[in-house]
Amino acid sequence: MMDECEIIITRLVNAPRERVFDVWTDARHVSLWWGPNGFTTTTYEMQVAVGGVWRFTMHGPDGRDWPNRIVYSEVVRPERLAYSHGDFEREHFKAVVSFAEAADGKTLVMLRTLFPSAEACAAVKAHGAVEGGQQTLARFAAFAEGTVA
């Protein structure tokens, strides 16, 4: 049963784990797929290492900009990433992304986000976080599988 303070989204990606990890962690790739449908992303810096920062802005289809800052607390290539995610002023949630080898050279990606309270989790769910996360992983999978340039 899912904890009331967390959201878990999974996606089976038809690509080997090393490629999947690279697509998730390389600034040259991530800005091409990150975010829900209709969003674009501008990356200002991305250092995927313990204590490293990924600073970026998501640009919504409505013209609104969403500043983001991720600070990595764990990087285990090609298995796992853990980080805190917020804007440039405060942390909003913690996340763990795992990359598990699956049959036939595929990779199971699991994105687990943990919020400080059930109320905070409910608020992001009400704003479409689950659907947005599913769209993000679908865009990611299409890019990692080579079906999108």
N, C-alpha and C. Protein backbone atom coordinates (compact mmCIF):
# COMPACT_ATOMS: atom_id res chain seq x y z
N MET A 1 0.84 -1.20 0.00
CA MET A 1 0.00 0.00 0.00
C MET A 1 0.88 1.25 0.00
N MET A 2 0.51 2.21 -0.83
CA MET A 2 1.29 3.43 -0.93
C MET A 2 1.06 4.29 0.31
N ASP A 3 2.13 4.78 0.87
CA ASP A 3 2.08 5.69 2.00
C ASP A 3 1.34 6.96 1.57
N GLU A 4 0.60 7.57 2.48
CA GLU A 4 -0.16 8.77 2.13
C GLU A 4 0.72 10.00 1.89
N CYS A 5 2.01 9.88 2.17
CA CYS A 5 2.95 10.98 1.93
C CYS A 5 3.81 10.76 0.70
N GLU A 6 3.52 9.74 -0.09
CA GLU A 6 4.38 9.46 -1.24
C GLU A 6 3.60 9.18 -2.51
N ILE A 7 4.30 9.38 -3.61
CA ILE A 7 3.79 9.04 -4.93
C ILE A 7 4.84 8.14 -5.57
N ILE A 8 4.40 7.03 -6.13
CA ILE A 8 5.30 6.11 -6.82
C ILE A 8 4.79 5.94 -8.25
N ILE A 9 5.69 6.18 -9.21
CA ILE A 9 5.35 6.03 -10.62
C ILE A 9 6.41 5.13 -11.24
N THR A 10 5.99 4.15 -12.02
CA THR A 10 6.94 3.23 -12.66
C THR A 10 6.72 3.23 -14.16
N ARG A 11 7.78 2.83 -14.86
CA ARG A 11 7.70 2.71 -16.32
C ARG A 11 8.73 1.68 -16.77
N LEU A 12 8.31 0.75 -17.60
CA LEU A 12 9.23 -0.20 -18.21
C LEU A 12 9.74 0.43 -19.51
N VAL A 13 11.06 0.57 -19.60
CA VAL A 13 11.68 1.24 -20.73
C VAL A 13 12.41 0.19 -21.56
N ASN A 14 12.18 0.22 -22.86
CA ASN A 14 12.77 -0.75 -23.77
C ASN A 14 14.17 -0.28 -24.18
N ALA A 15 15.06 -0.23 -23.18
CA ALA A 15 16.45 0.16 -23.40
C ALA A 15 17.28 -0.37 -22.24
N PRO A 16 18.57 -0.64 -22.46
CA PRO A 16 19.41 -1.15 -21.39
C PRO A 16 19.63 -0.12 -20.28
N ARG A 17 19.87 -0.63 -19.08
CA ARG A 17 19.98 0.21 -17.89
C ARG A 17 21.04 1.29 -18.02
N GLU A 18 22.20 1.00 -18.57
CA GLU A 18 23.26 2.02 -18.72
C GLU A 18 22.75 3.20 -19.55
N ARG A 19 22.09 2.91 -20.68
CA ARG A 19 21.56 3.99 -21.52
C ARG A 19 20.49 4.76 -20.77
N VAL A 20 19.60 4.06 -20.10
CA VAL A 20 18.52 4.71 -19.36
C VAL A 20 19.09 5.66 -18.30
N PHE A 21 20.08 5.19 -17.57
CA PHE A 21 20.72 6.04 -16.55
C PHE A 21 21.36 7.26 -17.20
N ASP A 22 22.07 7.06 -18.31
CA ASP A 22 22.71 8.18 -19.00
C ASP A 22 21.71 9.22 -19.48
N VAL A 23 20.60 8.77 -20.04
CA VAL A 23 19.58 9.70 -20.54
C VAL A 23 19.00 10.51 -19.38
N TRP A 24 18.87 9.88 -18.20
CA TRP A 24 18.32 10.56 -17.03
C TRP A 24 19.31 11.58 -16.45
N THR A 25 20.60 11.34 -16.61
CA THR A 25 21.59 12.14 -15.87
C THR A 25 22.48 13.02 -16.73
N ASP A 26 22.26 13.09 -18.01
CA ASP A 26 23.10 13.90 -18.90
C ASP A 26 22.33 15.16 -19.31
N ALA A 27 22.90 16.31 -19.00
CA ALA A 27 22.23 17.58 -19.30
C ALA A 27 21.93 17.75 -20.79
N ARG A 28 22.73 17.12 -21.65
CA ARG A 28 22.45 17.21 -23.09
C ARG A 28 21.14 16.52 -23.46
N HIS A 29 20.73 15.54 -22.65
CA HIS A 29 19.51 14.79 -22.95
C HIS A 29 18.31 15.26 -22.14
N VAL A 30 18.51 15.49 -20.85
CA VAL A 30 17.39 15.66 -19.93
C VAL A 30 16.48 16.84 -20.30
N SER A 31 17.06 17.90 -20.82
CA SER A 31 16.22 19.05 -21.19
C SER A 31 15.32 18.76 -22.38
N LEU A 32 15.59 17.67 -23.10
CA LEU A 32 14.78 17.32 -24.27
C LEU A 32 13.54 16.50 -23.91
N TRP A 33 13.49 15.97 -22.68
CA TRP A 33 12.33 15.13 -22.33
C TRP A 33 11.72 15.46 -20.97
N TRP A 34 12.39 16.20 -20.11
CA TRP A 34 11.93 16.40 -18.74
C TRP A 34 10.63 17.21 -18.71
N GLY A 35 9.70 16.75 -17.90
CA GLY A 35 8.45 17.48 -17.67
C GLY A 35 7.27 16.85 -18.38
N PRO A 36 6.08 17.23 -17.93
CA PRO A 36 4.85 16.71 -18.55
C PRO A 36 4.70 17.22 -19.99
N ASN A 37 3.74 16.67 -20.68
CA ASN A 37 3.44 17.08 -22.06
C ASN A 37 3.25 18.59 -22.13
N GLY A 38 3.85 19.19 -23.15
CA GLY A 38 3.70 20.62 -23.36
C GLY A 38 4.74 21.48 -22.66
N PHE A 39 5.51 20.89 -21.75
CA PHE A 39 6.54 21.64 -21.02
C PHE A 39 7.87 21.55 -21.76
N THR A 40 8.69 22.58 -21.59
CA THR A 40 10.08 22.54 -22.01
C THR A 40 10.93 22.85 -20.78
N THR A 41 12.20 22.52 -20.87
CA THR A 41 13.09 22.69 -19.72
C THR A 41 14.39 23.34 -20.16
N THR A 42 14.81 24.32 -19.38
CA THR A 42 16.11 24.95 -19.56
C THR A 42 16.99 24.57 -18.38
N THR A 43 18.12 23.93 -18.64
CA THR A 43 19.06 23.54 -17.60
C THR A 43 20.18 24.57 -17.53
N TYR A 44 20.44 25.05 -16.31
CA TYR A 44 21.51 26.03 -16.08
C TYR A 44 22.78 25.36 -15.58
N GLU A 45 22.63 24.33 -14.78
CA GLU A 45 23.77 23.55 -14.32
C GLU A 45 23.26 22.18 -13.91
N MET A 46 24.10 21.17 -14.10
CA MET A 46 23.73 19.81 -13.71
C MET A 46 25.00 19.05 -13.37
N GLN A 47 25.17 18.78 -12.09
CA GLN A 47 26.29 17.98 -11.61
C GLN A 47 25.71 16.80 -10.84
N VAL A 48 25.68 15.65 -11.48
CA VAL A 48 25.10 14.45 -10.88
C VAL A 48 26.20 13.77 -10.07
N ALA A 49 26.29 14.18 -8.80
CA ALA A 49 27.24 13.64 -7.84
C ALA A 49 26.69 13.96 -6.47
N VAL A 50 27.11 13.22 -5.46
CA VAL A 50 26.65 13.52 -4.11
C VAL A 50 27.00 14.97 -3.78
N GLY A 51 25.99 15.73 -3.38
CA GLY A 51 26.16 17.16 -3.11
C GLY A 51 26.04 18.03 -4.34
N GLY A 52 25.97 17.42 -5.52
CA GLY A 52 25.84 18.17 -6.76
C GLY A 52 24.44 18.73 -6.94
N VAL A 53 24.34 19.71 -7.81
CA VAL A 53 23.08 20.43 -8.01
C VAL A 53 22.67 20.37 -9.48
N TRP A 54 21.38 20.20 -9.69
CA TRP A 54 20.78 20.40 -11.01
C TRP A 54 19.82 21.57 -10.85
N ARG A 55 20.13 22.67 -11.53
CA ARG A 55 19.32 23.87 -11.47
C ARG A 55 18.69 24.07 -12.84
N PHE A 56 17.35 24.19 -12.88
CA PHE A 56 16.66 24.28 -14.16
C PHE A 56 15.33 25.00 -14.00
N THR A 57 14.78 25.42 -15.12
CA THR A 57 13.45 26.03 -15.14
C THR A 57 12.58 25.24 -16.10
N MET A 58 11.40 24.87 -15.62
CA MET A 58 10.40 24.24 -16.48
C MET A 58 9.49 25.36 -17.00
N HIS A 59 9.25 25.34 -18.30
CA HIS A 59 8.42 26.35 -18.94
C HIS A 59 7.09 25.70 -19.31
N GLY A 60 6.02 26.14 -18.69
CA GLY A 60 4.71 25.55 -18.93
C GLY A 60 4.11 26.01 -20.24
N PRO A 61 3.16 25.22 -20.76
CA PRO A 61 2.51 25.58 -22.01
C PRO A 61 1.71 26.88 -21.91
N ASP A 62 1.40 27.29 -20.68
CA ASP A 62 0.67 28.54 -20.45
C ASP A 62 1.60 29.74 -20.33
N GLY A 63 2.92 29.51 -20.49
CA GLY A 63 3.89 30.60 -20.41
C GLY A 63 4.48 30.81 -19.02
N ARG A 64 3.97 30.08 -18.04
CA ARG A 64 4.49 30.23 -16.67
C ARG A 64 5.81 29.46 -16.53
N ASP A 65 6.74 30.06 -15.80
CA ASP A 65 8.03 29.42 -15.53
C ASP A 65 8.05 28.85 -14.12
N TRP A 66 8.65 27.67 -13.99
CA TRP A 66 8.73 26.96 -12.72
C TRP A 66 10.20 26.70 -12.40
N PRO A 67 10.83 27.54 -11.56
CA PRO A 67 12.23 27.30 -11.20
C PRO A 67 12.36 26.06 -10.32
N ASN A 68 13.40 25.27 -10.56
CA ASN A 68 13.62 24.03 -9.82
C ASN A 68 15.08 23.90 -9.43
N ARG A 69 15.29 23.22 -8.32
CA ARG A 69 16.65 22.94 -7.84
C ARG A 69 16.64 21.56 -7.21
N ILE A 70 17.52 20.70 -7.72
CA ILE A 70 17.69 19.36 -7.17
C ILE A 70 19.09 19.29 -6.58
N VAL A 71 19.19 18.69 -5.37
CA VAL A 71 20.48 18.45 -4.74
C VAL A 71 20.59 16.95 -4.50
N TYR A 72 21.60 16.33 -5.09
CA TYR A 72 21.77 14.88 -5.02
C TYR A 72 22.38 14.45 -3.68
N SER A 73 21.75 13.46 -3.05
CA SER A 73 22.26 12.90 -1.80
C SER A 73 22.84 11.50 -2.00
N GLU A 74 22.50 10.88 -3.12
CA GLU A 74 23.02 9.54 -3.43
C GLU A 74 23.06 9.36 -4.94
N VAL A 75 24.17 8.86 -5.45
CA VAL A 75 24.31 8.54 -6.86
C VAL A 75 25.03 7.20 -6.94
N VAL A 76 24.29 6.17 -7.37
CA VAL A 76 24.85 4.83 -7.52
C VAL A 76 24.61 4.43 -8.98
N ARG A 77 25.62 4.62 -9.78
CA ARG A 77 25.50 4.33 -11.21
C ARG A 77 25.51 2.83 -11.45
N PRO A 78 24.65 2.30 -12.25
CA PRO A 78 23.48 2.84 -12.94
C PRO A 78 22.18 2.46 -12.23
N GLU A 79 22.22 2.34 -10.91
CA GLU A 79 21.10 1.76 -10.15
C GLU A 79 20.14 2.75 -9.52
N ARG A 80 20.66 3.88 -9.02
CA ARG A 80 19.81 4.67 -8.12
C ARG A 80 20.31 6.11 -8.01
N LEU A 81 19.34 7.01 -7.88
CA LEU A 81 19.59 8.41 -7.56
C LEU A 81 18.66 8.79 -6.41
N ALA A 82 19.17 9.56 -5.47
CA ALA A 82 18.32 10.12 -4.41
C ALA A 82 18.63 11.61 -4.34
N TYR A 83 17.58 12.40 -4.14
CA TYR A 83 17.78 13.84 -4.13
C TYR A 83 16.64 14.57 -3.42
N SER A 84 16.92 15.80 -3.05
CA SER A 84 15.87 16.70 -2.58
C SER A 84 15.51 17.60 -3.76
N HIS A 85 14.23 17.94 -3.87
CA HIS A 85 13.73 18.70 -5.01
C HIS A 85 12.92 19.87 -4.48
N GLY A 86 13.22 21.03 -5.00
CA GLY A 86 12.49 22.23 -4.60
C GLY A 86 12.65 23.31 -5.63
N ASP A 87 12.38 24.53 -5.19
CA ASP A 87 12.67 25.66 -6.05
C ASP A 87 13.99 26.25 -5.56
N PHE A 88 14.28 27.47 -5.91
CA PHE A 88 15.58 28.04 -5.54
C PHE A 88 15.61 28.48 -4.08
N GLU A 89 14.46 28.40 -3.37
CA GLU A 89 14.40 28.88 -2.00
C GLU A 89 14.20 27.79 -0.95
N ARG A 90 13.47 26.70 -1.29
CA ARG A 90 13.21 25.68 -0.27
C ARG A 90 12.96 24.31 -0.91
N GLU A 91 13.11 23.28 -0.08
CA GLU A 91 12.85 21.91 -0.51
C GLU A 91 11.35 21.64 -0.45
N HIS A 92 10.83 20.94 -1.46
CA HIS A 92 9.42 20.56 -1.49
C HIS A 92 9.21 19.08 -1.20
N PHE A 93 10.14 18.25 -1.66
CA PHE A 93 10.01 16.81 -1.43
C PHE A 93 11.35 16.14 -1.65
N LYS A 94 11.44 14.88 -1.26
CA LYS A 94 12.61 14.05 -1.53
C LYS A 94 12.20 13.02 -2.58
N ALA A 95 13.16 12.57 -3.36
CA ALA A 95 12.86 11.60 -4.40
C ALA A 95 13.97 10.57 -4.51
N VAL A 96 13.55 9.37 -4.92
CA VAL A 96 14.49 8.30 -5.24
C VAL A 96 14.06 7.75 -6.60
N VAL A 97 15.03 7.65 -7.51
CA VAL A 97 14.78 7.04 -8.81
C VAL A 97 15.63 5.80 -8.87
N SER A 98 14.99 4.66 -9.13
CA SER A 98 15.75 3.41 -9.26
C SER A 98 15.61 2.89 -10.68
N PHE A 99 16.68 2.23 -11.11
CA PHE A 99 16.79 1.68 -12.46
C PHE A 99 17.13 0.20 -12.32
N ALA A 100 16.14 -0.67 -12.53
CA ALA A 100 16.34 -2.11 -12.34
C ALA A 100 16.35 -2.82 -13.68
N GLU A 101 17.33 -3.72 -13.84
CA GLU A 101 17.38 -4.51 -15.06
C GLU A 101 16.15 -5.41 -15.13
N ALA A 102 15.56 -5.48 -16.31
CA ALA A 102 14.39 -6.33 -16.54
C ALA A 102 14.72 -7.26 -17.71
N ALA A 103 13.81 -8.16 -18.00
CA ALA A 103 14.01 -9.14 -19.08
C ALA A 103 14.18 -8.46 -20.43
N ASP A 104 14.88 -9.15 -21.31
CA ASP A 104 15.04 -8.72 -22.70
C ASP A 104 15.72 -7.37 -22.86
N GLY A 105 16.63 -7.03 -21.95
CA GLY A 105 17.38 -5.78 -22.06
C GLY A 105 16.61 -4.53 -21.71
N LYS A 106 15.48 -4.69 -21.06
CA LYS A 106 14.66 -3.54 -20.67
C LYS A 106 15.06 -3.08 -19.27
N THR A 107 14.56 -1.91 -18.88
CA THR A 107 14.85 -1.33 -17.57
C THR A 107 13.55 -0.87 -16.93
N LEU A 108 13.36 -1.25 -15.68
CA LEU A 108 12.21 -0.77 -14.91
C LEU A 108 12.66 0.47 -14.14
N VAL A 109 12.03 1.59 -14.44
CA VAL A 109 12.32 2.85 -13.75
C VAL A 109 11.22 3.09 -12.73
N MET A 110 11.63 3.35 -11.49
CA MET A 110 10.66 3.69 -10.45
C MET A 110 11.03 5.04 -9.86
N LEU A 111 10.11 5.98 -9.92
CA LEU A 111 10.27 7.30 -9.34
C LEU A 111 9.40 7.35 -8.09
N ARG A 112 10.06 7.51 -6.95
CA ARG A 112 9.35 7.56 -5.66
C ARG A 112 9.58 8.94 -5.06
N THR A 113 8.51 9.69 -4.85
CA THR A 113 8.61 11.00 -4.23
C THR A 113 7.97 10.95 -2.85
N LEU A 114 8.65 11.53 -1.87
CA LEU A 114 8.20 11.51 -0.49
C LEU A 114 8.02 12.95 -0.02
N PHE A 115 6.82 13.27 0.43
CA PHE A 115 6.46 14.63 0.84
C PHE A 115 6.49 14.75 2.36
N PRO A 116 6.67 15.96 2.88
CA PRO A 116 6.80 16.13 4.32
C PRO A 116 5.51 15.86 5.10
N SER A 117 4.36 15.84 4.40
CA SER A 117 3.09 15.58 5.08
C SER A 117 2.07 15.04 4.09
N ALA A 118 1.04 14.42 4.62
CA ALA A 118 -0.05 13.94 3.77
C ALA A 118 -0.74 15.10 3.06
N GLU A 119 -0.82 16.24 3.73
CA GLU A 119 -1.46 17.42 3.14
C GLU A 119 -0.66 17.93 1.94
N ALA A 120 0.68 17.96 2.08
CA ALA A 120 1.53 18.40 0.96
C ALA A 120 1.39 17.45 -0.22
N CYS A 121 1.34 16.16 0.05
CA CYS A 121 1.18 15.17 -1.01
C CYS A 121 -0.17 15.33 -1.70
N ALA A 122 -1.22 15.49 -0.91
CA ALA A 122 -2.57 15.65 -1.46
C ALA A 122 -2.66 16.90 -2.33
N ALA A 123 -1.97 17.96 -1.92
CA ALA A 123 -2.01 19.21 -2.70
C ALA A 123 -1.37 19.02 -4.07
N VAL A 124 -0.22 18.34 -4.15
CA VAL A 124 0.41 18.15 -5.46
C VAL A 124 -0.39 17.15 -6.31
N LYS A 125 -1.00 16.17 -5.66
CA LYS A 125 -1.87 15.26 -6.42
C LYS A 125 -3.05 16.02 -7.02
N ALA A 126 -3.61 16.96 -6.26
CA ALA A 126 -4.74 17.75 -6.74
C ALA A 126 -4.36 18.61 -7.94
N HIS A 127 -3.08 18.96 -8.05
CA HIS A 127 -2.59 19.76 -9.17
C HIS A 127 -2.09 18.89 -10.33
N GLY A 128 -2.34 17.58 -10.28
CA GLY A 128 -2.03 16.70 -11.40
C GLY A 128 -0.64 16.09 -11.39
N ALA A 129 -0.02 15.98 -10.20
CA ALA A 129 1.34 15.46 -10.12
C ALA A 129 1.46 14.02 -10.61
N VAL A 130 0.47 13.19 -10.36
CA VAL A 130 0.57 11.80 -10.79
C VAL A 130 0.52 11.72 -12.32
N GLU A 131 -0.44 12.38 -12.92
CA GLU A 131 -0.53 12.38 -14.38
C GLU A 131 0.70 13.05 -15.00
N GLY A 132 1.16 14.14 -14.40
CA GLY A 132 2.36 14.81 -14.90
C GLY A 132 3.59 13.91 -14.81
N GLY A 133 3.71 13.15 -13.72
CA GLY A 133 4.81 12.21 -13.57
C GLY A 133 4.74 11.10 -14.60
N GLN A 134 3.54 10.61 -14.86
CA GLN A 134 3.38 9.56 -15.87
C GLN A 134 3.73 10.08 -17.26
N GLN A 135 3.34 11.32 -17.55
CA GLN A 135 3.68 11.92 -18.84
C GLN A 135 5.19 12.12 -18.97
N THR A 136 5.83 12.55 -17.88
CA THR A 136 7.27 12.75 -17.88
C THR A 136 7.99 11.43 -18.16
N LEU A 137 7.57 10.36 -17.47
CA LEU A 137 8.21 9.06 -17.71
C LEU A 137 7.92 8.54 -19.11
N ALA A 138 6.76 8.84 -19.67
CA ALA A 138 6.46 8.43 -21.05
C ALA A 138 7.38 9.18 -22.02
N ARG A 139 7.58 10.48 -21.81
CA ARG A 139 8.49 11.25 -22.66
C ARG A 139 9.92 10.72 -22.51
N PHE A 140 10.30 10.43 -21.27
CA PHE A 140 11.62 9.88 -21.00
C PHE A 140 11.81 8.56 -21.74
N ALA A 141 10.83 7.65 -21.62
CA ALA A 141 10.93 6.34 -22.26
C ALA A 141 11.06 6.48 -23.78
N ALA A 142 10.27 7.35 -24.38
CA ALA A 142 10.33 7.54 -25.83
C ALA A 142 11.72 8.03 -26.25
N PHE A 143 12.30 8.92 -25.47
CA PHE A 143 13.64 9.42 -25.78
C PHE A 143 14.68 8.31 -25.59
N ALA A 144 14.62 7.62 -24.45
CA ALA A 144 15.62 6.58 -24.15
C ALA A 144 15.53 5.42 -25.14
N GLU A 145 14.33 5.14 -25.63
CA GLU A 145 14.15 4.05 -26.58
C GLU A 145 14.52 4.47 -28.00
N GLY A 146 14.83 5.74 -28.17
CA GLY A 146 15.25 6.23 -29.48
C GLY A 146 14.11 6.52 -30.42
N THR A 147 12.88 6.58 -29.90
CA THR A 147 11.74 6.86 -30.76
C THR A 147 11.51 8.35 -30.92
N VAL A 148 12.22 9.17 -30.15
CA VAL A 148 12.14 10.63 -30.24
C VAL A 148 13.56 11.14 -30.32
N ALA A 149 13.82 12.06 -31.23
CA ALA A 149 15.18 12.64 -31.35
C ALA A 149 15.43 13.67 -30.29
